[in-house]
Amino acid sequence: MKVRVRVLYFARLRALLGVGEEVVELPEGALVSTLLEALKSRHEALRGAEGIMVAVNAEYASAERGLREGDVVALLPPVSGG
């Protein structure tokens, strides 16, 4: 069985990929880390990206968080400041 999640890209990631969102199909039981690997395979521009923040359904999430059908995953570039 598969699950579909909606991925939203923000700020520099959106500009880098030229897309604001997409739907990704993953195997049942997929984790945030599974999604990130799938996205790096799909988008070469993400392969060197480090420090991406992930939120699932508007809550920050770790790489070990499980994903379910219909989840909305936001990817945010690292924030720097001084």
C-alpha atoms as a PDB file:
ATOM      1  CA  MET A   1       0.000   0.000   0.000  1.00  0.00           C
ATOM      2  CA  LYS A   2       1.137   3.568  -0.669  1.00  0.00           C
ATOM      3  CA  VAL A   3       0.602   6.898   1.071  1.00  0.00           C
ATOM      4  CA  ARG A   4       0.534  10.267  -0.618  1.00  0.00           C
ATOM      5  CA  VAL A   5       1.827  13.375   1.099  1.00  0.00           C
ATOM      6  CA  ARG A   6       1.794  16.981  -0.042  1.00  0.00           C
ATOM      7  CA  VAL A   7       5.211  18.640   0.116  1.00  0.00           C
ATOM      8  CA  LEU A   8       5.476  22.431   0.378  1.00  0.00           C
ATOM      9  CA  TYR A   9       8.746  24.222  -0.410  1.00  0.00           C
ATOM     10  CA  PHE A  10       9.551  27.592   1.136  1.00  0.00           C
ATOM     11  CA  ALA A  11      11.994  30.466   0.551  1.00  0.00           C
ATOM     12  CA  ARG A  12      15.280  29.449  -1.077  1.00  0.00           C
ATOM     13  CA  LEU A  13      14.115  25.858  -1.633  1.00  0.00           C
ATOM     14  CA  ARG A  14      11.129  27.068  -3.632  1.00  0.00           C
ATOM     15  CA  ALA A  15      13.367  29.264  -5.812  1.00  0.00           C
ATOM     16  CA  LEU A  16      15.970  26.514  -6.185  1.00  0.00           C
ATOM     17  CA  LEU A  17      13.447  23.921  -7.365  1.00  0.00           C
ATOM     18  CA  GLY A  18      11.165  26.255  -9.286  1.00  0.00           C
ATOM     19  CA  VAL A  19       8.108  24.668  -7.681  1.00  0.00           C
ATOM     20  CA  GLY A  20       6.128  25.554  -4.582  1.00  0.00           C
ATOM     21  CA  GLU A  21       4.594  22.168  -3.889  1.00  0.00           C
ATOM     22  CA  GLU A  22       4.176  18.627  -5.138  1.00  0.00           C
ATOM     23  CA  VAL A  23       2.508  15.370  -4.158  1.00  0.00           C
ATOM     24  CA  VAL A  24       4.818  12.452  -3.399  1.00  0.00           C
ATOM     25  CA  GLU A  25       3.807   8.802  -3.153  1.00  0.00           C
ATOM     26  CA  LEU A  26       5.687   6.737  -0.572  1.00  0.00           C
ATOM     27  CA  PRO A  27       5.470   3.195   0.753  1.00  0.00           C
ATOM     28  CA  GLU A  28       3.233   2.654   3.778  1.00  0.00           C
ATOM     29  CA  GLY A  29       5.233   3.111   6.983  1.00  0.00           C
ATOM     30  CA  ALA A  30       7.510   5.748   5.418  1.00  0.00           C
ATOM     31  CA  LEU A  31       9.344   8.164   7.682  1.00  0.00           C
ATOM     32  CA  VAL A  32      10.373  11.785   7.134  1.00  0.00           C
ATOM     33  CA  SER A  33      13.844  10.422   6.308  1.00  0.00           C
ATOM     34  CA  THR A  34      12.293   8.218   3.591  1.00  0.00           C
ATOM     35  CA  LEU A  35      10.640  11.280   2.080  1.00  0.00           C
ATOM     36  CA  LEU A  36      13.859  13.314   2.151  1.00  0.00           C
ATOM     37  CA  GLU A  37      15.760  10.531   0.359  1.00  0.00           C
ATOM     38  CA  ALA A  38      13.002  10.283  -2.270  1.00  0.00           C
ATOM     39  CA  LEU A  39      13.105  14.048  -2.815  1.00  0.00           C
ATOM     40  CA  LYS A  40      16.906  14.049  -3.164  1.00  0.00           C
ATOM     41  CA  SER A  41      16.573  11.328  -5.806  1.00  0.00           C
ATOM     42  CA  ARG A  42      13.934  13.355  -7.628  1.00  0.00           C
ATOM     43  CA  HIS A  43      15.618  16.779  -7.349  1.00  0.00           C
ATOM     44  CA  GLU A  44      19.353  16.975  -7.904  1.00  0.00           C
ATOM     45  CA  ALA A  45      19.398  20.476  -6.393  1.00  0.00           C
ATOM     46  CA  LEU A  46      18.462  19.010  -2.988  1.00  0.00           C
ATOM     47  CA  ARG A  47      21.316  16.494  -2.855  1.00  0.00           C
ATOM     48  CA  GLY A  48      23.765  18.917  -1.264  1.00  0.00           C
ATOM     49  CA  ALA A  49      21.193  20.670   0.910  1.00  0.00           C
ATOM     50  CA  GLU A  50      21.931  20.368   4.621  1.00  0.00           C
ATOM     51  CA  GLY A  51      20.034  21.580   7.650  1.00  0.00           C
ATOM     52  CA  ILE A  52      16.583  21.550   6.060  1.00  0.00           C
ATOM     53  CA  MET A  53      13.881  21.999   8.680  1.00  0.00           C
ATOM     54  CA  VAL A  54      10.819  19.774   8.330  1.00  0.00           C
ATOM     55  CA  ALA A  55       7.309  20.335   9.639  1.00  0.00           C
ATOM     56  CA  VAL A  56       4.510  17.796   9.327  1.00  0.00           C
ATOM     57  CA  ASN A  57       0.998  19.182   9.632  1.00  0.00           C
ATOM     58  CA  ALA A  58       2.414  22.477  10.976  1.00  0.00           C
ATOM     59  CA  GLU A  59       4.536  20.846  13.723  1.00  0.00           C
ATOM     60  CA  TYR A  60       8.308  20.511  13.506  1.00  0.00           C
ATOM     61  CA  ALA A  61       9.257  16.879  12.963  1.00  0.00           C
ATOM     62  CA  SER A  62      12.334  14.693  13.272  1.00  0.00           C
ATOM     63  CA  ALA A  63      13.613  12.328  10.599  1.00  0.00           C
ATOM     64  CA  GLU A  64      12.082   9.393  12.514  1.00  0.00           C
ATOM     65  CA  ARG A  65       8.516  10.700  12.397  1.00  0.00           C
ATOM     66  CA  GLY A  66       6.121   8.459  10.493  1.00  0.00           C
ATOM     67  CA  LEU A  67       4.045   9.791   7.613  1.00  0.00           C
ATOM     68  CA  ARG A  68       0.397   9.062   6.898  1.00  0.00           C
ATOM     69  CA  GLU A  69      -1.903   9.503   3.926  1.00  0.00           C
ATOM     70  CA  GLY A  70      -2.753  13.167   3.432  1.00  0.00           C
ATOM     71  CA  ASP A  71       0.015  14.620   5.613  1.00  0.00           C
ATOM     72  CA  VAL A  72       1.288  18.058   4.617  1.00  0.00           C
ATOM     73  CA  VAL A  73       5.073  18.312   4.869  1.00  0.00           C
ATOM     74  CA  ALA A  74       6.759  21.715   4.776  1.00  0.00           C
ATOM     75  CA  LEU A  75      10.462  21.993   3.946  1.00  0.00           C
ATOM     76  CA  LEU A  76      12.221  25.118   5.114  1.00  0.00           C
ATOM     77  CA  PRO A  77      15.838  26.068   4.411  1.00  0.00           C
ATOM     78  CA  PRO A  78      18.171  26.619   7.345  1.00  0.00           C
ATOM     79  CA  VAL A  79      17.911  30.045   8.905  1.00  0.00           C
ATOM     80  CA  SER A  80      21.042  32.036   9.570  1.00  0.00           C
ATOM     81  CA  GLY A  81      21.365  35.239  11.448  1.00  0.00           C
ATOM     82  CA  GLY A  82      23.741  37.326  13.357  1.00  0.00           C
END
